[in-house]
């Protein structure tokens, strides 16, 4: 795999993470709870960032576990390893395509007032932390050929894309942009992620270091 190819993995991974962060479930609850708790814009964005860090942190831990497992298996699989990684990514992509065709129910986000700000912050952070960006995990395997520097680079990509997406859409909504036109993200997210994973998976399978 060339450095140019790794760059394409990182760029695609950024797009996937940003698209995932654009889902209303990743920013609308902060807007609704912030309004209900009468938080300032600054505080609402701070809580959004805190929850985003938890979201990214758990994803990174899962990615770390995948990379460690991959490094342990790689010596035993030899030249077949990149085929296996690429095949897994493509298989996950096909699964996303299938799920995208059969799951069109939009997530419901309700507004409620918590008894204290601490309870509200805890609920928001825990809710997002326990739902990692699973679509990004295959990218850790795709970049594994480049070692631990690639893991760090991809983690920074995930952090930047997730933080930027969540803060951007939370901020826009707080500023009065109530109709952000993101319904299509909910509707086609899994289809877009599926196509991206299939493309990267095929590239990983057919391009070896």
N, C-alpha and C. Protein backbone atom coordinates (compact mmCIF):
# COMPACT_ATOMS: atom_id res chain seq x y z
N UNK A 1 0.83 -1.18 0.00
CA UNK A 1 0.00 0.00 0.00
C UNK A 1 0.88 1.24 0.00
N UNK A 2 0.63 2.16 -0.87
CA UNK A 2 1.42 3.39 -0.92
C UNK A 2 0.85 4.42 0.03
N UNK A 3 1.66 5.46 0.30
CA UNK A 3 1.20 6.54 1.17
C UNK A 3 0.02 7.26 0.53
N UNK A 4 0.01 7.32 -0.79
CA UNK A 4 -1.12 7.96 -1.50
C UNK A 4 -2.41 7.18 -1.25
N UNK A 5 -2.29 5.86 -1.25
CA UNK A 5 -3.47 5.03 -1.00
C UNK A 5 -3.95 5.20 0.44
N UNK A 6 -2.99 5.31 1.38
CA UNK A 6 -3.40 5.54 2.77
C UNK A 6 -4.10 6.88 2.91
N UNK A 7 -3.64 7.88 2.16
CA UNK A 7 -4.30 9.18 2.19
C UNK A 7 -5.75 9.06 1.74
N UNK A 8 -6.00 8.23 0.73
CA UNK A 8 -7.37 8.03 0.25
C UNK A 8 -8.21 7.35 1.33
N UNK A 9 -7.60 6.44 2.09
CA UNK A 9 -8.31 5.80 3.19
C UNK A 9 -8.67 6.83 4.26
N UNK A 10 -7.71 7.70 4.59
CA UNK A 10 -7.94 8.71 5.61
C UNK A 10 -9.02 9.71 5.17
N UNK A 11 -8.97 10.12 3.91
CA UNK A 11 -9.96 11.08 3.39
C UNK A 11 -11.35 10.46 3.39
N UNK A 12 -11.44 9.21 2.93
CA UNK A 12 -12.73 8.53 2.93
C UNK A 12 -13.22 8.32 4.35
N UNK A 13 -12.31 7.98 5.26
CA UNK A 13 -12.68 7.81 6.65
C UNK A 13 -13.21 9.10 7.26
N UNK A 14 -12.59 10.24 6.90
CA UNK A 14 -13.08 11.54 7.38
C UNK A 14 -14.50 11.77 6.90
N UNK A 15 -14.76 11.48 5.63
CA UNK A 15 -16.09 11.68 5.08
C UNK A 15 -17.12 10.80 5.78
N UNK A 16 -16.75 9.55 6.05
CA UNK A 16 -17.66 8.63 6.72
C UNK A 16 -17.96 9.11 8.14
N UNK A 17 -16.93 9.51 8.88
CA UNK A 17 -17.12 9.98 10.25
C UNK A 17 -17.93 11.28 10.29
N UNK A 18 -17.68 12.18 9.34
CA UNK A 18 -18.42 13.44 9.30
C UNK A 18 -19.88 13.19 8.96
N UNK A 19 -20.13 12.30 8.01
CA UNK A 19 -21.50 11.95 7.64
C UNK A 19 -22.23 11.33 8.83
N UNK A 20 -21.52 10.48 9.56
CA UNK A 20 -22.11 9.85 10.74
C UNK A 20 -22.46 10.91 11.79
N UNK A 21 -21.58 11.90 11.96
CA UNK A 21 -21.82 12.97 12.93
C UNK A 21 -22.95 13.89 12.52
N UNK A 22 -23.29 13.88 11.22
CA UNK A 22 -24.37 14.74 10.74
C UNK A 22 -25.75 14.18 11.07
N UNK A 23 -25.81 12.93 11.51
CA UNK A 23 -27.10 12.37 11.90
C UNK A 23 -27.68 13.18 13.05
N UNK A 24 -28.97 13.52 13.00
CA UNK A 24 -29.58 14.31 14.07
C UNK A 24 -29.41 13.72 15.46
N UNK A 25 -29.28 12.40 15.56
CA UNK A 25 -29.07 11.78 16.88
C UNK A 25 -27.74 12.19 17.50
N UNK A 26 -26.85 12.80 16.71
CA UNK A 26 -25.54 13.20 17.21
C UNK A 26 -25.46 14.68 17.56
N UNK A 27 -26.53 15.43 17.31
CA UNK A 27 -26.49 16.85 17.67
C UNK A 27 -27.84 17.40 18.14
N UNK A 28 -28.95 16.86 17.62
CA UNK A 28 -30.26 17.40 18.01
C UNK A 28 -30.56 17.23 19.49
N UNK A 29 -30.22 16.09 20.13
CA UNK A 29 -30.48 15.99 21.57
C UNK A 29 -29.80 17.08 22.38
N UNK A 30 -28.62 17.52 21.96
CA UNK A 30 -27.91 18.57 22.68
C UNK A 30 -28.63 19.91 22.54
N UNK A 31 -29.18 20.14 21.36
CA UNK A 31 -29.93 21.36 21.13
C UNK A 31 -31.20 21.37 21.98
N UNK A 32 -31.95 20.27 21.97
CA UNK A 32 -33.21 20.20 22.70
C UNK A 32 -32.99 20.26 24.21
N UNK A 33 -32.03 19.49 24.70
CA UNK A 33 -31.77 19.49 26.14
C UNK A 33 -31.19 20.83 26.58
N UNK A 34 -30.32 21.41 25.75
CA UNK A 34 -29.75 22.71 26.07
C UNK A 34 -30.82 23.78 26.21
N UNK A 35 -31.80 23.74 25.33
CA UNK A 35 -32.91 24.70 25.41
C UNK A 35 -33.76 24.44 26.64
N UNK A 36 -34.04 23.16 26.90
CA UNK A 36 -34.87 22.81 28.06
C UNK A 36 -34.19 23.19 29.37
N UNK A 37 -32.86 23.04 29.42
CA UNK A 37 -32.11 23.37 30.64
C UNK A 37 -31.69 24.85 30.67
N UNK A 38 -32.00 25.54 29.57
CA UNK A 38 -31.67 26.97 29.45
C UNK A 38 -30.16 27.21 29.54
N UNK A 39 -29.42 26.36 28.82
CA UNK A 39 -27.98 26.53 28.75
C UNK A 39 -27.63 27.61 27.74
N UNK A 40 -26.48 28.21 27.95
CA UNK A 40 -25.95 29.14 26.96
C UNK A 40 -25.44 28.34 25.76
N UNK A 41 -25.24 29.03 24.65
CA UNK A 41 -24.70 28.36 23.46
C UNK A 41 -23.33 27.75 23.77
N UNK A 42 -22.52 28.49 24.50
CA UNK A 42 -21.19 28.00 24.84
C UNK A 42 -21.25 26.71 25.64
N UNK A 43 -22.15 26.66 26.61
CA UNK A 43 -22.24 25.46 27.45
C UNK A 43 -22.79 24.28 26.64
N UNK A 44 -23.76 24.53 25.80
CA UNK A 44 -24.33 23.46 24.98
C UNK A 44 -23.26 22.87 24.06
N UNK A 45 -22.45 23.73 23.47
CA UNK A 45 -21.38 23.24 22.58
C UNK A 45 -20.32 22.49 23.38
N UNK A 46 -20.06 22.94 24.61
CA UNK A 46 -19.07 22.27 25.45
C UNK A 46 -19.54 20.85 25.79
N UNK A 47 -20.82 20.70 26.12
CA UNK A 47 -21.37 19.38 26.42
C UNK A 47 -21.36 18.51 25.17
N UNK A 48 -21.66 19.12 24.02
CA UNK A 48 -21.62 18.38 22.76
C UNK A 48 -20.23 17.84 22.49
N UNK A 49 -19.21 18.68 22.70
CA UNK A 49 -17.83 18.25 22.48
C UNK A 49 -17.44 17.15 23.46
N UNK A 50 -17.87 17.29 24.72
CA UNK A 50 -17.55 16.28 25.73
C UNK A 50 -18.13 14.92 25.34
N UNK A 51 -19.38 14.92 24.90
CA UNK A 51 -20.01 13.67 24.47
C UNK A 51 -19.33 13.12 23.22
N UNK A 52 -18.92 14.03 22.33
CA UNK A 52 -18.22 13.60 21.13
C UNK A 52 -16.89 12.92 21.46
N UNK A 53 -16.20 13.43 22.47
CA UNK A 53 -14.94 12.82 22.89
C UNK A 53 -15.17 11.41 23.44
N UNK A 54 -16.26 11.24 24.17
CA UNK A 54 -16.59 9.90 24.65
C UNK A 54 -16.91 8.96 23.51
N UNK A 55 -17.66 9.47 22.54
CA UNK A 55 -18.03 8.71 21.34
C UNK A 55 -16.79 8.26 20.58
N UNK A 56 -15.86 9.18 20.39
CA UNK A 56 -14.62 8.88 19.68
C UNK A 56 -13.74 7.96 20.51
N UNK A 57 -13.70 8.19 21.82
CA UNK A 57 -12.85 7.39 22.69
C UNK A 57 -13.20 5.91 22.65
N UNK A 58 -14.48 5.58 22.73
CA UNK A 58 -14.88 4.18 22.69
C UNK A 58 -14.60 3.58 21.31
N UNK A 59 -14.83 4.37 20.27
CA UNK A 59 -14.53 3.89 18.92
C UNK A 59 -13.04 3.58 18.77
N UNK A 60 -12.21 4.44 19.32
CA UNK A 60 -10.76 4.22 19.26
C UNK A 60 -10.36 2.95 20.02
N UNK A 61 -10.97 2.72 21.17
CA UNK A 61 -10.66 1.51 21.94
C UNK A 61 -11.03 0.25 21.15
N UNK A 62 -12.18 0.29 20.51
CA UNK A 62 -12.59 -0.85 19.69
C UNK A 62 -11.65 -1.02 18.50
N UNK A 63 -11.24 0.12 17.91
CA UNK A 63 -10.29 0.07 16.80
C UNK A 63 -8.95 -0.48 17.25
N UNK A 64 -8.52 -0.12 18.45
CA UNK A 64 -7.27 -0.62 18.99
C UNK A 64 -7.33 -2.14 19.16
N UNK A 65 -8.46 -2.62 19.65
CA UNK A 65 -8.62 -4.07 19.82
C UNK A 65 -8.55 -4.78 18.47
N UNK A 66 -9.17 -4.18 17.44
CA UNK A 66 -9.13 -4.77 16.11
C UNK A 66 -7.70 -4.82 15.56
N UNK A 67 -6.96 -3.73 15.74
CA UNK A 67 -5.59 -3.67 15.22
C UNK A 67 -4.70 -4.69 15.94
N UNK A 68 -4.85 -4.79 17.26
CA UNK A 68 -4.05 -5.76 18.01
C UNK A 68 -4.35 -7.18 17.54
N UNK A 69 -5.63 -7.47 17.33
CA UNK A 69 -6.01 -8.80 16.84
C UNK A 69 -5.46 -9.02 15.43
N UNK A 70 -5.52 -7.99 14.62
CA UNK A 70 -5.02 -8.10 13.25
C UNK A 70 -3.53 -8.33 13.20
N UNK A 71 -2.79 -7.63 14.06
CA UNK A 71 -1.33 -7.80 14.11
C UNK A 71 -0.96 -9.20 14.58
N UNK A 72 -1.78 -9.75 15.47
CA UNK A 72 -1.50 -11.10 15.96
C UNK A 72 -1.77 -12.16 14.88
N UNK A 73 -2.77 -11.90 14.05
CA UNK A 73 -3.13 -12.87 13.01
C UNK A 73 -2.29 -12.73 11.73
N UNK A 74 -1.80 -11.53 11.47
CA UNK A 74 -1.11 -11.26 10.21
C UNK A 74 0.05 -12.22 9.90
N UNK A 75 0.93 -12.52 10.87
CA UNK A 75 2.05 -13.44 10.55
C UNK A 75 1.59 -14.83 10.12
N UNK A 76 0.41 -15.24 10.60
CA UNK A 76 -0.08 -16.58 10.29
C UNK A 76 -0.83 -16.63 8.96
N UNK A 77 -1.24 -15.46 8.48
CA UNK A 77 -2.04 -15.42 7.26
C UNK A 77 -1.22 -15.02 6.04
N UNK A 78 -0.06 -14.45 6.28
CA UNK A 78 0.85 -14.11 5.19
C UNK A 78 0.22 -13.23 4.12
N UNK A 79 0.39 -13.63 2.86
CA UNK A 79 -0.08 -12.82 1.75
C UNK A 79 -1.58 -12.79 1.59
N UNK A 80 -2.28 -13.59 2.38
CA UNK A 80 -3.74 -13.59 2.28
C UNK A 80 -4.39 -12.52 3.16
N UNK A 81 -3.58 -11.89 4.02
CA UNK A 81 -4.16 -10.99 5.02
C UNK A 81 -4.91 -9.84 4.37
N UNK A 82 -4.30 -9.21 3.35
CA UNK A 82 -4.96 -8.05 2.74
C UNK A 82 -6.24 -8.45 2.02
N UNK A 83 -6.27 -9.70 1.52
CA UNK A 83 -7.51 -10.18 0.91
C UNK A 83 -8.61 -10.35 1.96
N UNK A 84 -8.22 -10.85 3.13
CA UNK A 84 -9.20 -11.05 4.20
C UNK A 84 -9.74 -9.72 4.69
N UNK A 85 -8.84 -8.75 4.91
CA UNK A 85 -9.27 -7.42 5.37
C UNK A 85 -10.19 -6.77 4.34
N UNK A 86 -9.77 -6.81 3.08
CA UNK A 86 -10.60 -6.22 2.03
C UNK A 86 -11.94 -6.92 1.91
N UNK A 87 -11.94 -8.24 2.02
CA UNK A 87 -13.19 -8.99 1.96
C UNK A 87 -14.12 -8.66 3.11
N UNK A 88 -13.54 -8.51 4.31
CA UNK A 88 -14.36 -8.15 5.47
C UNK A 88 -14.99 -6.77 5.29
N UNK A 89 -14.19 -5.82 4.79
CA UNK A 89 -14.73 -4.47 4.57
C UNK A 89 -15.85 -4.49 3.55
N UNK A 90 -15.65 -5.23 2.47
CA UNK A 90 -16.69 -5.32 1.44
C UNK A 90 -17.93 -6.00 1.99
N UNK A 91 -17.75 -7.03 2.82
CA UNK A 91 -18.89 -7.74 3.41
C UNK A 91 -19.68 -6.82 4.34
N UNK A 92 -18.96 -6.03 5.14
CA UNK A 92 -19.64 -5.05 6.01
C UNK A 92 -20.39 -4.03 5.16
N UNK A 93 -19.77 -3.62 4.04
CA UNK A 93 -20.43 -2.68 3.14
C UNK A 93 -21.71 -3.25 2.56
N UNK A 94 -21.69 -4.52 2.17
CA UNK A 94 -22.89 -5.17 1.65
C UNK A 94 -23.97 -5.22 2.72
N UNK A 95 -23.56 -5.50 3.97
CA UNK A 95 -24.51 -5.51 5.07
C UNK A 95 -25.17 -4.15 5.25
N UNK A 96 -24.37 -3.08 5.15
CA UNK A 96 -24.93 -1.73 5.27
C UNK A 96 -25.92 -1.45 4.14
N UNK A 97 -25.58 -1.87 2.93
CA UNK A 97 -26.50 -1.69 1.81
C UNK A 97 -27.81 -2.42 2.05
N UNK A 98 -27.71 -3.64 2.54
CA UNK A 98 -28.92 -4.42 2.82
C UNK A 98 -29.74 -3.76 3.91
N UNK A 99 -29.07 -3.31 4.97
CA UNK A 99 -29.80 -2.68 6.08
C UNK A 99 -30.40 -1.35 5.65
N UNK A 100 -29.70 -0.64 4.76
CA UNK A 100 -30.22 0.63 4.26
C UNK A 100 -31.49 0.45 3.46
N UNK A 101 -31.62 -0.67 2.76
CA UNK A 101 -32.83 -0.94 1.97
C UNK A 101 -34.01 -1.37 2.83
N UNK A 102 -33.73 -1.94 4.00
CA UNK A 102 -34.79 -2.51 4.83
C UNK A 102 -35.06 -1.72 6.09
N UNK A 103 -34.30 -0.67 6.32
CA UNK A 103 -34.49 0.10 7.54
C UNK A 103 -34.58 1.58 7.21
N UNK A 104 -35.81 2.08 7.09
CA UNK A 104 -36.03 3.48 6.74
C UNK A 104 -36.69 4.24 7.88
N UNK A 105 -36.77 3.63 9.04
CA UNK A 105 -37.39 4.30 10.18
C UNK A 105 -36.47 5.37 10.74
N UNK A 106 -36.97 6.58 10.85
CA UNK A 106 -36.16 7.68 11.37
C UNK A 106 -36.12 7.61 12.90
N UNK A 107 -34.97 7.86 13.49
CA UNK A 107 -34.88 7.84 14.95
C UNK A 107 -35.67 8.99 15.56
N UNK A 108 -36.34 8.71 16.68
CA UNK A 108 -37.12 9.74 17.35
C UNK A 108 -36.27 10.39 18.43
N UNK A 109 -36.28 11.70 18.43
CA UNK A 109 -35.53 12.46 19.43
C UNK A 109 -36.51 13.33 20.18
N UNK A 110 -36.67 13.08 21.46
CA UNK A 110 -37.66 13.83 22.24
C UNK A 110 -36.98 14.86 23.12
N UNK A 111 -37.76 15.88 23.47
CA UNK A 111 -37.23 16.94 24.33
C UNK A 111 -37.73 16.71 25.74
N UNK A 112 -36.85 16.78 26.71
CA UNK A 112 -37.25 16.62 28.10
C UNK A 112 -36.37 17.49 28.97
N UNK A 113 -36.89 17.82 30.14
CA UNK A 113 -36.12 18.62 31.09
C UNK A 113 -35.66 17.71 32.22
N UNK A 114 -34.37 17.78 32.52
CA UNK A 114 -33.80 16.95 33.58
C UNK A 114 -33.84 17.71 34.90
N UNK A 115 -33.82 16.96 36.00
CA UNK A 115 -33.91 17.58 37.32
C UNK A 115 -32.68 18.42 37.65
N UNK A 116 -31.55 18.10 37.03
CA UNK A 116 -30.33 18.89 37.26
C UNK A 116 -29.48 18.88 36.00
N UNK A 117 -28.60 19.87 35.91
CA UNK A 117 -27.70 19.92 34.76
C UNK A 117 -26.76 18.71 34.76
N UNK A 118 -26.36 18.27 35.94
CA UNK A 118 -25.46 17.12 36.01
C UNK A 118 -26.13 15.87 35.43
N UNK A 119 -27.40 15.68 35.74
CA UNK A 119 -28.14 14.53 35.20
C UNK A 119 -28.26 14.63 33.69
N UNK A 120 -28.51 15.84 33.21
CA UNK A 120 -28.66 16.05 31.77
C UNK A 120 -27.35 15.76 31.04
N UNK A 121 -26.25 16.29 31.58
CA UNK A 121 -24.94 16.09 30.94
C UNK A 121 -24.56 14.61 30.97
N UNK A 122 -24.78 13.97 32.10
CA UNK A 122 -24.45 12.54 32.22
C UNK A 122 -25.23 11.71 31.21
N UNK A 123 -26.53 11.99 31.09
CA UNK A 123 -27.37 11.24 30.17
C UNK A 123 -26.91 11.41 28.73
N UNK A 124 -26.60 12.63 28.34
CA UNK A 124 -26.16 12.91 26.96
C UNK A 124 -24.82 12.25 26.65
N UNK A 125 -23.89 12.36 27.59
CA UNK A 125 -22.55 11.80 27.36
C UNK A 125 -22.60 10.28 27.30
N UNK A 126 -23.31 9.67 28.23
CA UNK A 126 -23.41 8.20 28.25
C UNK A 126 -24.12 7.69 27.01
N UNK A 127 -25.20 8.37 26.61
CA UNK A 127 -25.97 7.95 25.45
C UNK A 127 -25.10 7.88 24.20
N UNK A 128 -24.28 8.90 23.98
CA UNK A 128 -23.47 8.94 22.77
C UNK A 128 -22.22 8.07 22.89
N UNK A 129 -21.64 8.02 24.09
CA UNK A 129 -20.44 7.21 24.27
C UNK A 129 -20.71 5.74 24.01
N UNK A 130 -21.88 5.27 24.40
CA UNK A 130 -22.21 3.85 24.25
C UNK A 130 -22.72 3.50 22.86
N UNK A 131 -22.65 4.44 21.93
CA UNK A 131 -23.02 4.14 20.54
C UNK A 131 -21.85 4.56 19.64
N UNK A 132 -20.79 3.76 19.61
CA UNK A 132 -19.58 4.11 18.84
C UNK A 132 -19.84 4.17 17.35
N UNK A 133 -18.93 4.79 16.63
CA UNK A 133 -19.03 4.90 15.17
C UNK A 133 -18.51 3.60 14.56
N UNK A 134 -19.37 2.59 14.53
CA UNK A 134 -18.94 1.28 14.05
C UNK A 134 -18.54 1.29 12.59
N UNK A 135 -19.09 2.23 11.81
CA UNK A 135 -18.76 2.30 10.38
C UNK A 135 -17.30 2.67 10.15
N UNK A 136 -16.66 3.30 11.16
CA UNK A 136 -15.27 3.72 11.00
C UNK A 136 -14.29 2.60 11.34
N UNK A 137 -14.73 1.61 12.09
CA UNK A 137 -13.82 0.56 12.57
C UNK A 137 -13.07 -0.16 11.45
N UNK A 138 -13.72 -0.51 10.32
CA UNK A 138 -12.97 -1.19 9.26
C UNK A 138 -11.80 -0.38 8.72
N UNK A 139 -11.85 0.94 8.87
CA UNK A 139 -10.76 1.77 8.36
C UNK A 139 -9.48 1.57 9.16
N UNK A 140 -9.63 1.20 10.43
CA UNK A 140 -8.43 0.87 11.23
C UNK A 140 -7.73 -0.35 10.66
N UNK A 141 -8.51 -1.34 10.25
CA UNK A 141 -7.92 -2.53 9.63
C UNK A 141 -7.29 -2.19 8.28
N UNK A 142 -7.97 -1.33 7.53
CA UNK A 142 -7.44 -0.97 6.21
C UNK A 142 -6.10 -0.26 6.31
N UNK A 143 -5.90 0.51 7.38
CA UNK A 143 -4.65 1.25 7.53
C UNK A 143 -3.60 0.52 8.34
N UNK A 144 -3.91 -0.70 8.76
CA UNK A 144 -3.01 -1.43 9.65
C UNK A 144 -1.66 -1.74 9.02
N UNK A 145 -1.62 -1.84 7.69
CA UNK A 145 -0.36 -2.13 6.99
C UNK A 145 0.70 -1.06 7.26
N UNK A 146 0.26 0.13 7.65
CA UNK A 146 1.18 1.23 7.91
C UNK A 146 1.56 1.34 9.38
N UNK A 147 1.12 0.38 10.21
CA UNK A 147 1.55 0.33 11.59
C UNK A 147 0.83 1.32 12.50
N UNK A 148 1.44 1.54 13.67
CA UNK A 148 0.82 2.38 14.68
C UNK A 148 0.69 3.85 14.29
N UNK A 149 1.63 4.41 13.49
CA UNK A 149 1.40 5.79 13.03
C UNK A 149 0.08 5.94 12.28
N UNK A 150 -0.31 4.91 11.54
CA UNK A 150 -1.58 4.96 10.81
C UNK A 150 -2.74 4.94 11.79
N UNK A 151 -2.63 4.16 12.86
CA UNK A 151 -3.69 4.12 13.88
C UNK A 151 -3.88 5.51 14.50
N UNK A 152 -2.76 6.14 14.84
CA UNK A 152 -2.83 7.49 15.43
C UNK A 152 -3.44 8.48 14.44
N UNK A 153 -2.99 8.41 13.17
CA UNK A 153 -3.49 9.33 12.15
C UNK A 153 -4.99 9.14 11.94
N UNK A 154 -5.44 7.90 11.86
CA UNK A 154 -6.86 7.64 11.66
C UNK A 154 -7.68 8.06 12.87
N UNK A 155 -7.12 7.91 14.06
CA UNK A 155 -7.82 8.35 15.28
C UNK A 155 -7.99 9.87 15.28
N UNK A 156 -6.95 10.58 14.83
CA UNK A 156 -7.06 12.04 14.73
C UNK A 156 -8.08 12.44 13.67
N UNK A 157 -8.13 11.69 12.57
CA UNK A 157 -9.13 11.93 11.53
C UNK A 157 -10.53 11.75 12.10
N UNK A 158 -10.73 10.66 12.84
CA UNK A 158 -12.03 10.40 13.47
C UNK A 158 -12.41 11.50 14.43
N UNK A 159 -11.45 11.93 15.25
CA UNK A 159 -11.70 12.99 16.23
C UNK A 159 -12.07 14.29 15.54
N UNK A 160 -11.30 14.66 14.51
CA UNK A 160 -11.55 15.92 13.81
C UNK A 160 -12.90 15.92 13.11
N UNK A 161 -13.22 14.83 12.40
CA UNK A 161 -14.46 14.76 11.64
C UNK A 161 -15.68 14.74 12.55
N UNK A 162 -15.61 13.95 13.62
CA UNK A 162 -16.74 13.85 14.54
C UNK A 162 -16.97 15.16 15.28
N UNK A 163 -15.91 15.74 15.80
CA UNK A 163 -16.03 17.01 16.52
C UNK A 163 -16.56 18.11 15.60
N UNK A 164 -16.00 18.19 14.40
CA UNK A 164 -16.42 19.23 13.46
C UNK A 164 -17.89 19.07 13.10
N UNK A 165 -18.30 17.84 12.80
CA UNK A 165 -19.69 17.62 12.41
C UNK A 165 -20.66 17.93 13.53
N UNK A 166 -20.39 17.42 14.73
CA UNK A 166 -21.31 17.63 15.85
C UNK A 166 -21.39 19.10 16.24
N UNK A 167 -20.24 19.77 16.32
CA UNK A 167 -20.24 21.18 16.71
C UNK A 167 -20.87 22.06 15.63
N UNK A 168 -20.61 21.73 14.36
CA UNK A 168 -21.16 22.52 13.27
C UNK A 168 -22.68 22.48 13.27
N UNK A 169 -23.26 21.28 13.31
CA UNK A 169 -24.70 21.17 13.20
C UNK A 169 -25.42 21.57 14.48
N UNK A 170 -24.78 21.37 15.62
CA UNK A 170 -25.35 21.87 16.87
C UNK A 170 -25.36 23.40 16.86
N UNK A 171 -24.23 23.98 16.45
CA UNK A 171 -24.13 25.44 16.40
C UNK A 171 -25.11 26.07 15.42
N UNK A 172 -25.26 25.47 14.25
CA UNK A 172 -26.20 26.00 13.26
C UNK A 172 -27.63 25.95 13.78
N UNK A 173 -27.99 24.86 14.43
CA UNK A 173 -29.33 24.74 14.96
C UNK A 173 -29.58 25.74 16.08
N UNK A 174 -28.60 25.92 16.94
CA UNK A 174 -28.73 26.90 18.02
C UNK A 174 -28.82 28.32 17.47
N UNK A 175 -28.19 28.55 16.32
CA UNK A 175 -28.20 29.88 15.71
C UNK A 175 -29.51 30.18 14.98
N UNK A 176 -30.39 29.19 14.93
CA UNK A 176 -31.69 29.44 14.32
C UNK A 176 -31.92 28.77 12.99
N UNK A 177 -30.93 28.00 12.54
CA UNK A 177 -31.12 27.25 11.28
C UNK A 177 -31.85 25.95 11.60
N UNK A 178 -33.17 26.07 11.77
CA UNK A 178 -33.97 24.93 12.21
C UNK A 178 -34.14 23.87 11.12
N UNK A 179 -34.08 24.29 9.87
CA UNK A 179 -34.23 23.34 8.77
C UNK A 179 -32.88 23.20 8.07
N UNK A 180 -32.12 22.23 8.52
CA UNK A 180 -30.78 22.04 7.98
C UNK A 180 -30.75 21.15 6.75
N UNK A 181 -31.90 20.60 6.39
CA UNK A 181 -31.97 19.77 5.18
C UNK A 181 -31.14 18.50 5.29
N UNK A 182 -31.13 17.88 6.47
CA UNK A 182 -30.31 16.69 6.67
C UNK A 182 -31.13 15.40 6.71
N UNK A 183 -32.40 15.48 6.28
CA UNK A 183 -33.22 14.27 6.25
C UNK A 183 -32.61 13.21 5.35
N UNK A 184 -31.95 13.66 4.29
CA UNK A 184 -31.36 12.70 3.35
C UNK A 184 -30.22 11.92 3.99
N UNK A 185 -29.57 12.52 5.00
CA UNK A 185 -28.49 11.82 5.68
C UNK A 185 -29.04 10.61 6.41
N UNK A 186 -30.16 10.80 7.12
CA UNK A 186 -30.80 9.69 7.82
C UNK A 186 -31.26 8.62 6.84
N UNK A 187 -31.78 9.08 5.70
CA UNK A 187 -32.38 8.14 4.74
C UNK A 187 -31.33 7.33 3.99
N UNK A 188 -30.22 7.98 3.64
CA UNK A 188 -29.25 7.31 2.76
C UNK A 188 -27.90 7.04 3.42
N UNK A 189 -27.78 7.31 4.74
CA UNK A 189 -26.48 7.14 5.39
C UNK A 189 -25.92 5.73 5.19
N UNK A 190 -26.74 4.72 5.46
CA UNK A 190 -26.23 3.35 5.39
C UNK A 190 -25.88 2.95 3.97
N UNK A 191 -26.61 3.46 3.00
CA UNK A 191 -26.29 3.17 1.60
C UNK A 191 -24.95 3.79 1.22
N UNK A 192 -24.74 5.04 1.63
CA UNK A 192 -23.48 5.73 1.32
C UNK A 192 -22.31 5.04 2.01
N UNK A 193 -22.50 4.69 3.29
CA UNK A 193 -21.44 4.01 4.03
C UNK A 193 -21.13 2.65 3.40
N UNK A 194 -22.17 1.95 2.98
CA UNK A 194 -21.99 0.65 2.35
C UNK A 194 -21.16 0.73 1.08
N UNK A 195 -21.48 1.70 0.23
CA UNK A 195 -20.72 1.88 -1.01
C UNK A 195 -19.28 2.22 -0.72
N UNK A 196 -19.05 3.14 0.25
CA UNK A 196 -17.68 3.54 0.60
C UNK A 196 -16.87 2.35 1.11
N UNK A 197 -17.47 1.53 1.95
CA UNK A 197 -16.76 0.38 2.51
C UNK A 197 -16.45 -0.66 1.43
N UNK A 198 -17.37 -0.86 0.50
CA UNK A 198 -17.13 -1.82 -0.58
C UNK A 198 -15.97 -1.34 -1.46
N UNK A 199 -15.97 -0.05 -1.80
CA UNK A 199 -14.92 0.50 -2.65
C UNK A 199 -13.56 0.38 -1.98
N UNK A 200 -13.47 0.80 -0.71
CA UNK A 200 -12.20 0.72 0.01
C UNK A 200 -11.79 -0.73 0.22
N UNK A 201 -12.76 -1.60 0.52
CA UNK A 201 -12.46 -3.02 0.69
C UNK A 201 -11.87 -3.65 -0.55
N UNK A 202 -12.44 -3.34 -1.71
CA UNK A 202 -11.89 -3.87 -2.96
C UNK A 202 -10.50 -3.32 -3.24
N UNK A 203 -10.31 -2.03 -2.90
CA UNK A 203 -8.99 -1.43 -3.11
C UNK A 203 -7.95 -2.09 -2.21
N UNK A 204 -8.32 -2.35 -0.95
CA UNK A 204 -7.39 -3.00 -0.03
C UNK A 204 -7.05 -4.41 -0.53
N UNK A 205 -8.06 -5.11 -1.06
CA UNK A 205 -7.83 -6.48 -1.52
C UNK A 205 -6.91 -6.54 -2.73
N UNK A 206 -6.99 -5.54 -3.60
CA UNK A 206 -6.24 -5.59 -4.86
C UNK A 206 -4.97 -4.77 -4.88
N UNK A 207 -4.72 -4.01 -3.79
CA UNK A 207 -3.48 -3.24 -3.70
C UNK A 207 -2.72 -3.66 -2.46
N UNK A 208 -1.60 -4.29 -2.66
CA UNK A 208 -0.80 -4.79 -1.54
C UNK A 208 0.43 -3.92 -1.37
N UNK A 209 0.90 -3.83 -0.12
CA UNK A 209 2.11 -3.05 0.14
C UNK A 209 3.29 -3.48 -0.71
